[in-house]
Structures are given as structure tokens and as C-alpha cells.
Protein backbone atom coordinates (compact mmCIF):
# COMPACT_ATOMS: atom_id res chain seq x y z
CA MET A 1 -9.47 43.14 3.22
CA LYS A 2 -12.13 42.08 0.76
CA PRO A 3 -12.61 38.41 -0.15
CA GLU A 4 -11.14 38.97 -3.65
CA GLN A 5 -7.98 40.49 -2.16
CA ILE A 6 -7.59 37.60 0.26
CA GLN A 7 -8.13 35.08 -2.52
CA ASN A 8 -5.32 36.74 -4.50
CA GLU A 9 -3.01 36.41 -1.47
CA LEU A 10 -3.56 32.67 -0.96
CA PRO A 11 -0.15 30.96 -1.17
CA TYR A 12 -1.31 28.28 -3.65
CA ALA A 13 -1.46 27.77 -7.40
CA LYS A 14 -3.15 25.26 -9.68
CA PRO A 15 -3.28 22.32 -9.54
CA PHE A 16 -3.17 22.69 -5.74
CA LEU A 17 -5.52 25.67 -5.39
CA PHE A 18 -8.93 24.49 -4.16
CA VAL A 19 -10.78 27.80 -4.03
CA ASP A 20 -13.00 29.05 -6.86
CA LYS A 21 -14.52 31.93 -4.91
CA LEU A 22 -14.33 33.33 -1.41
CA GLU A 23 -17.82 34.62 -0.72
CA HIS A 24 -17.36 36.09 2.74
CA VAL A 25 -14.56 36.58 5.26
CA ASP A 26 -14.75 38.47 8.54
CA GLU A 27 -13.13 38.16 11.98
CA ASN A 28 -15.47 35.28 12.90
CA GLY A 29 -15.22 33.00 9.88
CA ALA A 30 -15.10 32.42 6.15
CA ARG A 31 -17.26 30.97 3.41
CA GLY A 32 -16.29 29.93 -0.10
CA HIS A 33 -16.77 27.27 -2.72
CA TYR A 34 -14.92 24.99 -5.11
CA THR A 35 -15.91 22.58 -7.88
CA PHE A 36 -13.65 19.54 -8.23
CA PRO A 37 -12.96 19.16 -11.97
CA GLU A 38 -13.14 15.63 -13.32
CA SER A 39 -9.74 16.21 -14.92
CA SER A 40 -8.04 16.72 -11.51
CA PHE A 41 -4.79 14.77 -11.18
CA PHE A 42 -5.84 12.78 -8.10
CA TYR A 43 -8.85 11.04 -9.72
CA GLU A 44 -6.54 9.05 -12.00
CA GLY A 45 -5.33 6.75 -9.26
CA HIS A 46 -7.80 7.15 -6.37
CA PHE A 47 -10.36 4.37 -6.80
CA PRO A 48 -10.16 4.69 -10.61
CA GLU A 49 -13.21 2.46 -11.14
CA TYR A 50 -15.35 4.60 -8.77
CA LYS A 51 -13.84 8.05 -8.60
CA ILE A 52 -14.23 9.94 -5.35
CA THR A 53 -12.32 12.92 -4.03
CA PRO A 54 -9.63 11.87 -1.53
CA GLY A 55 -10.23 12.93 2.07
CA VAL A 56 -6.87 14.66 2.23
CA ILE A 57 -7.92 16.87 -0.71
CA LEU A 58 -11.26 17.67 0.97
CA THR A 59 -9.33 18.59 4.11
CA GLU A 60 -6.96 20.80 2.09
CA CYS A 61 -9.92 22.57 0.47
CA MET A 62 -11.42 23.25 3.91
CA ALA A 63 -8.05 24.47 5.20
CA GLN A 64 -7.51 26.86 2.27
CA ILE A 65 -10.97 28.43 2.50
CA GLY A 66 -11.70 28.08 6.19
CA VAL A 67 -8.36 28.62 7.91
CA VAL A 68 -5.75 30.17 5.61
CA ALA A 69 -8.12 32.77 4.11
CA LEU A 70 -9.40 33.63 7.58
CA GLY A 71 -5.83 33.76 8.94
CA ILE A 72 -4.85 36.24 6.23
CA TYR A 73 -7.86 38.41 7.11
CA ILE A 74 -7.27 38.33 10.88
CA TYR A 75 -3.53 38.91 10.64
CA ASN A 76 -4.12 41.90 8.34
CA LEU A 77 -6.44 43.47 10.92
CA GLU A 78 -3.44 43.70 13.23
CA PHE A 79 -0.74 44.20 10.57
CA PRO A 80 -2.28 45.83 7.49
CA GLY A 81 -0.49 44.93 4.28
CA ALA A 82 1.21 41.80 5.63
CA ARG A 83 2.08 39.46 2.78
CA ILE A 84 1.40 35.74 2.96
CA ARG A 85 2.06 34.67 -0.61
CA MET A 86 5.57 33.36 -1.16
CA VAL A 87 6.73 34.98 -4.40
CA ASP A 88 10.24 35.96 -3.35
CA ALA A 89 11.65 34.85 -0.02
CA ALA A 90 12.82 38.41 0.68
CA ASP A 91 9.20 39.63 0.52
CA ILE A 92 7.64 37.15 2.93
CA ASP A 93 6.08 38.70 6.02
CA VAL A 94 4.34 35.62 7.41
CA SER A 95 3.68 32.00 6.63
CA ILE A 96 0.90 29.74 7.83
CA ALA A 97 1.58 26.19 9.02
CA LEU A 98 -1.30 23.83 9.64
CA ALA A 99 -0.90 22.46 13.13
CA GLU A 100 -3.80 20.12 13.85
CA THR A 101 -6.80 18.62 12.09
CA HIS A 102 -9.69 16.42 13.05
CA ILE A 103 -12.19 15.75 10.28
CA ASP A 104 -15.21 13.41 10.18
CA PHE A 105 -16.19 12.34 6.68
CA LYS A 106 -19.91 11.83 6.11
CA LYS A 107 -20.57 11.61 2.34
CA PRO A 108 -18.28 11.22 -0.67
CA VAL A 109 -17.58 14.10 -3.04
CA PHE A 110 -17.50 13.08 -6.70
CA PRO A 111 -15.85 14.67 -9.75
CA ASN A 112 -17.57 17.85 -10.97
CA GLU A 113 -19.33 18.40 -7.62
CA LYS A 114 -19.43 21.89 -6.19
CA VAL A 115 -18.88 22.19 -2.45
CA THR A 116 -19.25 25.06 -0.02
CA VAL A 117 -16.90 25.42 2.94
CA ILE A 118 -17.97 27.35 6.01
CA SER A 119 -15.62 28.02 8.91
CA THR A 120 -16.26 29.52 12.31
CA LYS A 121 -13.40 30.81 14.42
CA GLU A 122 -13.06 28.92 17.69
CA TYR A 123 -10.15 31.07 18.88
CA TYR A 124 -7.22 33.16 17.73
CA ARG A 125 -4.45 33.82 20.23
CA PHE A 126 -0.67 33.85 20.14
CA ASN A 127 -0.95 33.62 16.33
CA LYS A 128 -2.74 30.26 16.54
CA LEU A 129 -6.08 30.05 14.76
CA LYS A 130 -8.48 27.19 15.39
CA CYS A 131 -11.65 26.87 13.32
CA LYS A 132 -14.69 24.67 13.17
CA VAL A 133 -15.12 23.79 9.48
CA GLU A 134 -17.78 22.07 7.45
CA MET A 135 -18.12 21.18 3.80
CA ARG A 136 -21.54 20.92 2.19
CA LYS A 137 -22.40 19.50 -1.19
CA GLU A 138 -24.50 21.55 -3.61
CA ASN A 139 -27.65 19.67 -2.55
CA GLY A 140 -27.00 20.70 1.08
CA ASP A 141 -25.73 17.33 2.29
CA LEU A 142 -22.88 17.43 4.79
CA ALA A 143 -19.75 15.96 3.19
CA CYS A 144 -17.41 16.43 6.16
CA ARG A 145 -16.81 18.56 9.23
CA GLY A 146 -14.34 18.99 12.02
CA PHE A 147 -11.63 21.26 13.36
CA ILE A 148 -8.51 22.62 11.73
CA SER A 149 -5.92 24.83 13.36
CA GLY A 150 -2.96 26.68 11.97
CA VAL A 151 -0.15 28.86 13.21
CA ILE A 152 0.72 32.19 11.60
CA ILE A 153 4.50 32.51 11.71
CA PRO A 154 5.89 36.05 11.31
CA GLN A 155 9.08 36.14 9.25
CA SER A 156 11.79 38.74 9.60
CA ARG A 157 12.30 40.90 6.51
CA ARG A 158 15.67 40.88 4.84
CA GLY A 159 17.16 43.81 3.05
């Protein structure tokens, strides 16, 4: 699958989609970027006098680019055409559940900042994917890094 195809299969929609562009995805990792718009819902109440992007949102961005996109790619190597996106419950082939995260936050990410997420596969076995992830700001500074794992759960088809 090409990065554009994977991006179209991500099971998210605005305002909870934190991927502007997947640049690269292969069996060893993924790379993509996102710019956090100043109008994002979470800036209203998260340190309103000094707006910074919440760590949980940074983690979600890293998970979407670095783990879910990679999981879609890897699973489709084994099962071409498997669907991740949940449009109609009868059409679901698999779902991805995040299982474990450990993130170290180094620098804040502010509204309108573009970040790049890079993930490297640590392992994939028994449908569990664990990745080393890092997020870099546009100036190259490390914003955060750590490990995120997820489980790809095959669903039985109805019909």
C-alpha cells in the first residue's frame, strides 16, 4: 500500500485526525507530519493564557502516524485488502487497540507548529506491534519520544 492509501484508511476524522501527510511507510517504520491549527478545540482550555499542545494529543498524533499507519501497512502485507476504517460494522476486518505507551516530553509544541513523527518498528508478532516513536519540531528540536504498542484485532465478517 502507498502512503496515500494508508492515510485514507486511517480510522479517524476531524477534529481527531492528526495526520496531514504520510510521507513514507514500509515494514520497518513510518514518517509523517501534522501542523496543529491554532483553532484546535483543545487550546481553548489547556493553559489558555499560554497555549501549548496537550501531551495526550501529541501522543495521539504519534500513535496515528507511527503505529496505526504502520499497522495498516504491515497487516495488509499478510492480508491484502483488509479494512481498518469503521464505516459500517459489517465491513470491519480488523481494529487496532493501543495497548501500551511510554512517552518522554522534551519541548512544548505550540499552536501552528508543524511536527514530524518518525517511528521504527521494534517488533510485530501475534498481531502486536511495538514502535519506537519520536516527534520533531520544524526546527529539528525533539518534542517527545518513547514507545507505543498496539494490537491488531481481526474481526469476523458478518453476512
